[in-house]
Amino acid sequence: MPRRFSKSVQRQFDVLRRATRWPVWADLATRLGVAFLLIGIVVFVHWSDRAGLQDSYDGHVSFLDVVYFTMISVTTTGFGDITPVSDRSRLIEAVIVTPIRIAVLFIFIGTAYQFVLKRSWEKWRMARIQAKLTDHIVVLGFGISGSEAVRELIARGTEPAQIVVIDQARGRINAAERLGCNVLEGDASNDDTLLHIRIAQARSVLVSAGRDDTSILIVLTVRHLSPHVPISVVIRAQDNELLARQAGANNVINPVSFTGLLLAGSAEGAHVADYMADLAGIAGRVQLIERPISGEEVGGSIDRLASGGRGLRIYRGGKPYGFWEEEAQRLQPGDHVVEVVRCEDSEAEKS
């Protein structure tokens, strides 16, 4: 049942894949660099206080002995052949060396977790999520249009876990992630990227890349990988609308043209534009939806829908028929109806 977006849907999200902030080699080098820097500090401290150390082998503490003692001390091996004997040396071991020893151990344990356990867990988790992806909505591009589309989908009752967002901008990916969507940071025009999110099993694909040429390229790629998935694309130049349809888009949305329609409507009447905007979103009092007719509606008229909505048009075999046409007076199996329904939540708020 359609419902408004609320905090209840802002639950823990599933991340398909996230690019690391640094390359793996840089992260590993940084961790090891910090660890060896700390070890170097301990070597310096032991060398400065070598008079307080005693070597049971030859009685002489050389620089090599200091490095050796530092390593066995930091790693808590402790053979006992070199020991701190003065009060100052023991205080240094307790106050300086022990905290550094703990820090170094945490660095190595954290590195093992990050590069072995965590990555193995994330890889397994990603495979589980991908295996379950089916009948999902893919949003390619999370700019103004894409983000508004996702928020509207969630407000209409779509679970965020059923939405997959792909974008190359980390900030946009983080924003989609906070909404509870599955996210993938990558190039939406790349075959491998789309295969990762099982584009062939998607319910529908929404494309809003910000540039018409990029959007058309993405549509071509999606249509190549999934011949039957419905594709809607935002195109800003009217000359490119035909190209988008030829690339495989089922719906081409031109925000500039739609704005012109709203302006023209407002010139004909003070409330036309307001009602058109009301129809487009769930925040208004009414909502425009498309759905397949139910079994109980077969044989009936578009004027008597089971939902109680106002039927405007049916689609039969890909061809539209208005409510005034004879074909709309007897609904058939497989018909899709476009109707206006009342938004009960909005009505309750206004009453």
Protein backbone atom coordinates (compact mmCIF):
# COMPACT_ATOMS: atom_id res chain seq x y z
CA MET A 1 0.00 0.00 0.00
CA PRO A 2 1.40 3.45 -0.85
CA ARG A 3 2.75 5.32 2.13
CA ARG A 4 4.77 8.37 2.89
CA PHE A 5 8.52 8.38 3.35
CA SER A 6 9.29 8.25 7.04
CA LYS A 7 12.12 7.36 9.37
CA SER A 8 10.87 3.78 9.45
CA VAL A 9 12.31 3.14 5.98
CA GLN A 10 15.68 4.67 6.86
CA ARG A 11 17.02 1.34 8.02
CA GLN A 12 20.37 -0.30 7.52
CA PHE A 13 21.14 -0.41 3.83
CA ASP A 14 22.84 -2.97 1.61
CA VAL A 15 25.96 -1.80 -0.18
CA LEU A 16 26.69 -3.67 -3.38
CA ARG A 17 30.18 -2.25 -3.75
CA ARG A 18 31.98 0.82 -2.53
CA ALA A 19 35.25 2.14 -3.91
CA THR A 20 37.89 2.66 -1.21
CA ARG A 21 38.94 6.21 -0.49
CA TRP A 22 42.56 5.25 -1.16
CA PRO A 23 43.95 2.51 -3.35
CA VAL A 24 44.59 -0.72 -1.46
CA TRP A 25 48.36 -0.38 -1.77
CA ALA A 26 48.27 3.17 -0.36
CA ASP A 27 46.15 2.11 2.62
CA LEU A 28 48.45 -0.83 3.35
CA ALA A 29 51.58 1.31 2.96
CA THR A 30 50.16 3.91 5.38
CA ARG A 31 49.38 1.33 8.03
CA LEU A 32 52.80 -0.30 7.76
CA GLY A 33 54.47 3.13 7.71
CA VAL A 34 52.82 4.11 10.99
CA ALA A 35 53.74 0.77 12.56
CA PHE A 36 57.41 1.04 11.58
CA LEU A 37 57.48 4.67 12.70
CA LEU A 38 56.37 3.59 16.16
CA ILE A 39 58.94 0.81 16.15
CA GLY A 40 61.58 3.35 15.15
CA ILE A 41 60.61 5.51 18.12
CA VAL A 42 61.07 2.54 20.43
CA VAL A 43 64.48 1.80 18.88
CA PHE A 44 65.51 5.41 19.50
CA VAL A 45 64.29 5.32 23.11
CA HIS A 46 66.10 2.01 23.80
CA TRP A 47 69.31 3.25 22.18
CA SER A 48 69.20 6.45 24.25
CA ASP A 49 68.77 4.37 27.39
CA ARG A 50 71.00 1.42 26.44
CA ALA A 51 72.95 1.85 29.68
CA GLY A 52 69.92 0.55 31.54
CA LEU A 53 69.85 -2.67 29.48
CA GLN A 54 71.80 -5.78 30.25
CA ASP A 55 72.88 -8.38 27.67
CA SER A 56 73.41 -11.78 29.32
CA TYR A 57 75.32 -13.04 26.25
CA ASP A 58 78.38 -10.76 26.08
CA GLY A 59 77.54 -7.93 28.51
CA HIS A 60 77.67 -5.36 25.69
CA VAL A 61 74.56 -3.74 24.17
CA SER A 62 75.18 -2.79 20.54
CA PHE A 63 72.82 -1.05 18.11
CA LEU A 64 71.94 -4.44 16.61
CA ASP A 65 71.12 -5.65 20.13
CA VAL A 66 68.83 -2.62 20.60
CA VAL A 67 66.96 -3.35 17.33
CA TYR A 68 66.69 -7.02 18.32
CA PHE A 69 65.44 -6.15 21.83
CA THR A 70 62.94 -3.68 20.39
CA MET A 71 61.43 -6.25 18.03
CA ILE A 72 61.08 -8.99 20.62
CA SER A 73 59.72 -6.44 23.09
CA VAL A 74 57.14 -4.96 20.70
CA THR A 75 56.03 -8.41 19.57
CA THR A 76 55.88 -9.58 23.23
CA THR A 77 58.18 -12.50 22.45
CA GLY A 78 60.57 -11.75 25.32
CA PHE A 79 63.43 -14.30 25.30
CA GLY A 80 65.01 -12.76 28.39
CA ASP A 81 68.58 -12.52 27.03
CA ILE A 82 68.38 -8.71 27.08
CA THR A 83 66.52 -7.15 30.00
CA PRO A 84 65.98 -3.69 31.50
CA VAL A 85 67.77 -3.56 34.84
CA SER A 86 67.63 0.10 35.90
CA ASP A 87 64.58 1.78 37.37
CA ARG A 88 64.60 4.29 34.51
CA SER A 89 64.62 1.54 31.86
CA ARG A 90 61.76 -0.27 33.54
CA LEU A 91 59.78 2.98 33.75
CA ILE A 92 60.39 3.57 30.03
CA GLU A 93 59.17 0.06 29.26
CA ALA A 94 56.03 0.62 31.31
CA VAL A 95 55.15 4.17 30.26
CA ILE A 96 56.43 4.48 26.69
CA VAL A 97 57.11 1.07 25.16
CA THR A 98 53.99 -0.74 26.41
CA PRO A 99 51.48 1.76 24.88
CA ILE A 100 53.43 1.67 21.61
CA ARG A 101 53.45 -2.13 21.72
CA ILE A 102 49.65 -2.14 22.10
CA ALA A 103 49.26 0.40 19.26
CA VAL A 104 51.44 -1.66 16.91
CA LEU A 105 49.48 -4.82 17.71
CA PHE A 106 46.21 -3.00 17.00
CA ILE A 107 47.58 -1.76 13.67
CA PHE A 108 48.55 -5.26 12.55
CA ILE A 109 45.30 -6.80 13.82
CA GLY A 110 43.29 -4.03 12.16
CA THR A 111 45.17 -4.53 8.92
CA ALA A 112 44.50 -8.25 8.97
CA TYR A 113 40.81 -7.57 9.59
CA GLN A 114 40.56 -4.89 6.90
CA PHE A 115 42.35 -6.77 4.15
CA VAL A 116 41.38 -10.34 4.92
CA LEU A 117 38.32 -10.80 7.10
CA LYS A 118 36.36 -7.66 6.23
CA ARG A 119 36.98 -7.84 2.49
CA SER A 120 36.03 -11.52 2.44
CA TRP A 121 32.86 -10.72 4.39
CA GLU A 122 31.97 -7.80 2.08
CA LYS A 123 32.57 -9.92 -0.99
CA TRP A 124 30.33 -12.68 0.36
CA ARG A 125 27.67 -10.16 1.42
CA MET A 126 27.73 -8.44 -1.99
CA ALA A 127 27.30 -11.79 -3.73
CA ARG A 128 24.31 -12.58 -1.49
CA ILE A 129 22.70 -9.20 -2.22
CA GLN A 130 23.29 -9.52 -5.94
CA ALA A 131 21.88 -13.04 -5.99
CA LYS A 132 18.65 -11.74 -4.46
CA LEU A 133 18.30 -8.74 -6.77
CA THR A 134 15.21 -9.21 -8.89
CA ASP A 135 12.29 -7.00 -9.85
CA HIS A 136 14.30 -4.02 -8.64
CA ILE A 137 14.31 -0.44 -9.92
CA VAL A 138 17.64 0.81 -11.26
CA VAL A 139 18.38 4.54 -11.13
CA LEU A 140 21.34 5.52 -13.29
CA GLY A 141 22.41 8.99 -12.19
CA PHE A 142 21.59 10.54 -8.82
CA GLY A 143 21.51 14.22 -9.69
CA ILE A 144 18.50 16.46 -9.16
CA SER A 145 16.12 14.41 -11.31
CA GLY A 146 17.39 11.02 -10.14
CA SER A 147 17.31 11.90 -6.45
CA GLU A 148 13.80 13.35 -6.69
CA ALA A 149 12.65 10.20 -8.51
CA VAL A 150 14.06 7.98 -5.75
CA ARG A 151 12.40 10.04 -3.00
CA GLU A 152 9.09 9.91 -4.84
CA LEU A 153 9.39 6.14 -5.30
CA ILE A 154 10.03 5.68 -1.58
CA ALA A 155 7.12 7.97 -0.74
CA ARG A 156 4.87 5.83 -2.95
CA GLY A 157 5.77 2.72 -0.99
CA THR A 158 8.76 1.25 -2.84
CA GLU A 159 11.19 -0.36 -0.41
CA PRO A 160 14.63 1.29 -0.57
CA ALA A 161 16.17 -2.20 -0.70
CA GLN A 162 14.45 -2.63 -4.09
CA ILE A 163 16.19 0.44 -5.53
CA VAL A 164 19.72 0.35 -6.95
CA VAL A 165 21.51 3.64 -7.60
CA ILE A 166 24.61 3.96 -9.77
CA ASP A 167 26.60 7.19 -9.95
CA GLN A 168 30.25 8.15 -10.27
CA ALA A 169 30.12 10.93 -7.66
CA ARG A 170 30.87 9.78 -4.12
CA GLY A 171 28.75 12.50 -2.54
CA ARG A 172 25.69 11.44 -4.53
CA ILE A 173 26.31 7.79 -3.72
CA ASN A 174 26.49 8.64 -0.02
CA ALA A 175 23.20 10.55 -0.29
CA ALA A 176 21.48 7.58 -1.95
CA GLU A 177 22.97 5.28 0.66
CA ARG A 178 21.50 7.37 3.46
CA LEU A 179 18.04 6.89 1.93
CA GLY A 180 18.50 3.12 2.28
CA CYS A 181 19.15 2.27 -1.37
CA ASN A 182 21.62 -0.25 -2.72
CA VAL A 183 24.45 1.73 -4.28
CA LEU A 184 27.25 1.13 -6.73
CA GLU A 185 29.88 3.74 -7.47
CA GLY A 186 30.80 3.34 -11.12
CA ASP A 187 30.18 4.13 -14.77
CA ALA A 188 26.60 3.31 -15.74
CA SER A 189 27.53 3.03 -19.42
CA ASN A 190 29.91 0.15 -18.67
CA ASP A 191 28.63 -3.39 -19.34
CA ASP A 192 30.31 -4.89 -16.26
CA THR A 193 28.80 -2.25 -13.98
CA LEU A 194 25.29 -3.02 -15.17
CA LEU A 195 25.86 -6.77 -15.02
CA HIS A 196 26.90 -6.38 -11.37
CA ILE A 197 23.41 -5.15 -10.49
CA ARG A 198 21.62 -7.79 -12.62
CA ILE A 199 20.12 -5.34 -15.08
CA ALA A 200 18.32 -8.14 -16.95
CA GLN A 201 16.23 -8.90 -13.83
CA ALA A 202 15.26 -5.27 -13.18
CA ARG A 203 11.65 -4.11 -13.12
CA SER A 204 12.48 -0.78 -14.73
CA VAL A 205 15.42 1.53 -15.39
CA LEU A 206 15.46 5.30 -14.85
CA VAL A 207 18.26 7.20 -16.62
CA SER A 208 19.27 10.75 -15.72
CA ALA A 209 22.96 11.23 -16.40
CA GLY A 210 22.89 15.02 -16.69
CA ARG A 211 24.07 15.06 -20.32
CA ASP A 212 22.00 13.91 -23.27
CA ASP A 213 24.87 12.12 -25.01
CA THR A 214 25.77 10.21 -21.84
CA SER A 215 22.14 9.34 -21.16
CA ILE A 216 21.65 8.03 -24.70
CA LEU A 217 24.82 5.93 -24.44
CA ILE A 218 23.55 4.46 -21.16
CA VAL A 219 20.19 3.66 -22.77
CA LEU A 220 21.98 1.85 -25.61
CA THR A 221 24.02 -0.18 -23.12
CA VAL A 222 21.00 -1.09 -21.00
CA ARG A 223 18.96 -2.09 -24.04
CA HIS A 224 21.82 -4.25 -25.31
CA LEU A 225 22.03 -6.12 -21.99
CA SER A 226 18.29 -6.26 -21.30
CA PRO A 227 16.10 -6.17 -24.43
CA HIS A 228 12.77 -6.06 -22.58
CA VAL A 229 13.27 -3.92 -19.46
CA PRO A 230 11.27 -0.64 -19.51
CA ILE A 231 13.62 2.35 -19.77
CA SER A 232 12.74 5.95 -18.92
CA VAL A 233 15.28 8.67 -19.69
CA VAL A 234 15.57 12.40 -19.09
CA ILE A 235 16.52 14.30 -22.26
CA ARG A 236 16.93 18.06 -22.22
CA ALA A 237 17.27 18.88 -25.94
CA GLN A 238 14.23 18.23 -28.08
CA ASP A 239 16.45 17.21 -31.02
CA ASN A 240 17.76 14.30 -28.95
CA GLU A 241 14.38 12.83 -28.02
CA LEU A 242 14.15 10.80 -31.24
CA LEU A 243 17.71 9.53 -30.73
CA ALA A 244 16.82 8.38 -27.22
CA ARG A 245 13.81 6.47 -28.52
CA GLN A 246 15.89 4.91 -31.28
CA ALA A 247 18.44 3.89 -28.64
CA GLY A 248 15.71 1.88 -26.90
CA ALA A 249 14.03 4.20 -24.39
CA ASN A 250 10.34 3.50 -23.76
CA ASN A 251 9.69 6.88 -22.16
CA VAL A 252 11.53 10.10 -22.93
CA ILE A 253 11.00 12.91 -20.46
CA ASN A 254 11.99 16.45 -21.40
CA PRO A 255 11.84 18.71 -18.33
CA VAL A 256 12.10 21.81 -20.50
CA SER A 257 9.09 20.78 -22.60
CA PHE A 258 7.14 19.81 -19.49
CA THR A 259 7.83 23.21 -17.97
CA GLY A 260 6.52 24.78 -21.16
CA LEU A 261 3.35 22.72 -20.89
CA LEU A 262 2.83 23.91 -17.32
CA LEU A 263 3.36 27.53 -18.36
CA ALA A 264 0.94 27.18 -21.26
CA GLY A 265 -1.61 25.52 -19.00
CA SER A 266 -1.35 28.33 -16.47
CA ALA A 267 -2.11 30.83 -19.25
CA GLU A 268 -5.40 29.04 -19.98
CA GLY A 269 -6.49 28.76 -16.38
CA ALA A 270 -5.23 29.71 -12.94
CA HIS A 271 -5.37 26.16 -11.58
CA VAL A 272 -4.37 23.96 -14.54
CA ALA A 273 -0.64 23.96 -13.75
CA ASP A 274 -1.37 23.40 -10.07
CA TYR A 275 -3.49 20.33 -10.84
CA MET A 276 -0.90 18.90 -13.25
CA ALA A 277 1.77 19.22 -10.56
CA ASP A 278 -0.67 17.63 -8.09
CA LEU A 279 -1.09 14.63 -10.39
CA ALA A 280 2.64 14.09 -10.79
CA GLY A 281 3.50 13.48 -7.13
CA ILE A 282 2.15 11.68 -4.08
CA ALA A 283 2.31 14.80 -1.92
CA GLY A 284 -0.86 16.20 -3.52
CA ARG A 285 -4.50 15.25 -3.07
CA VAL A 286 -4.63 13.09 -6.20
CA GLN A 287 -2.18 10.83 -7.98
CA LEU A 288 -1.84 9.66 -11.57
CA ILE A 289 -0.95 5.97 -11.81
CA GLU A 290 -0.72 3.23 -14.43
CA ARG A 291 -1.54 -0.40 -13.66
CA PRO A 292 -2.78 -3.61 -15.29
CA ILE A 293 -6.50 -4.13 -14.89
CA SER A 294 -7.65 -6.70 -12.36
CA GLY A 295 -9.64 -9.82 -13.12
CA GLU A 296 -12.85 -8.36 -11.73
CA GLU A 297 -12.55 -5.37 -14.08
CA VAL A 298 -12.43 -7.50 -17.26
CA GLY A 299 -15.53 -6.86 -19.34
CA GLY A 300 -16.37 -3.68 -17.48
CA SER A 301 -16.02 -0.06 -18.47
CA ILE A 302 -13.17 2.33 -17.74
CA ASP A 303 -15.74 4.40 -15.85
CA ARG A 304 -16.26 1.64 -13.29
CA LEU A 305 -12.84 0.66 -11.97
CA ALA A 306 -12.52 -1.46 -8.85
CA SER A 307 -10.06 1.02 -7.34
CA GLY A 308 -12.64 3.78 -7.37
CA GLY A 309 -10.32 5.93 -9.48
CA ARG A 310 -11.18 7.95 -12.56
CA GLY A 311 -10.01 6.10 -15.65
CA LEU A 312 -8.49 8.34 -18.32
CA ARG A 313 -6.93 6.01 -20.86
CA ILE A 314 -6.25 2.35 -21.54
CA TYR A 315 -3.35 0.77 -23.41
CA ARG A 316 -4.14 -2.30 -25.46
CA GLY A 317 -1.43 -3.89 -27.55
CA GLY A 318 0.67 -0.77 -27.13
CA LYS A 319 -2.05 1.49 -28.53
CA PRO A 320 -3.80 4.14 -26.38
CA TYR A 321 -7.57 4.57 -26.18
CA GLY A 322 -9.25 7.49 -24.41
CA PHE A 323 -12.13 7.15 -21.97
CA TRP A 324 -14.52 8.42 -24.66
CA GLU A 325 -13.62 5.75 -27.21
CA GLU A 326 -15.58 2.55 -27.67
CA GLU A 327 -12.59 0.30 -26.89
CA ALA A 328 -12.44 1.72 -23.37
CA GLN A 329 -16.03 0.71 -22.64
CA ARG A 330 -15.16 -3.00 -22.47
CA LEU A 331 -11.87 -3.85 -20.77
CA GLN A 332 -9.96 -6.93 -21.88
CA PRO A 333 -7.29 -9.11 -20.21
CA GLY A 334 -3.84 -7.56 -20.64
CA ASP A 335 -5.11 -3.96 -20.76
CA HIS A 336 -3.28 -1.29 -18.78
CA VAL A 337 -5.22 1.63 -17.40
CA VAL A 338 -4.07 5.14 -16.55
CA GLU A 339 -6.24 6.53 -13.78
CA VAL A 340 -6.47 9.30 -11.21
CA VAL A 341 -6.79 8.08 -7.62
CA ARG A 342 -7.22 9.90 -4.36
CA CYS A 343 -4.21 10.18 -2.04
CA GLU A 344 -5.72 9.17 1.28
CA ASP A 345 -2.74 10.32 3.35
CA SER A 346 -2.88 13.81 1.89
CA GLU A 347 -6.65 13.99 2.37
CA ALA A 348 -6.25 12.98 6.03
CA GLU A 349 -3.63 15.67 6.61
CA LYS A 350 -5.79 18.38 5.05
CA SER A 351 -8.96 17.41 6.92
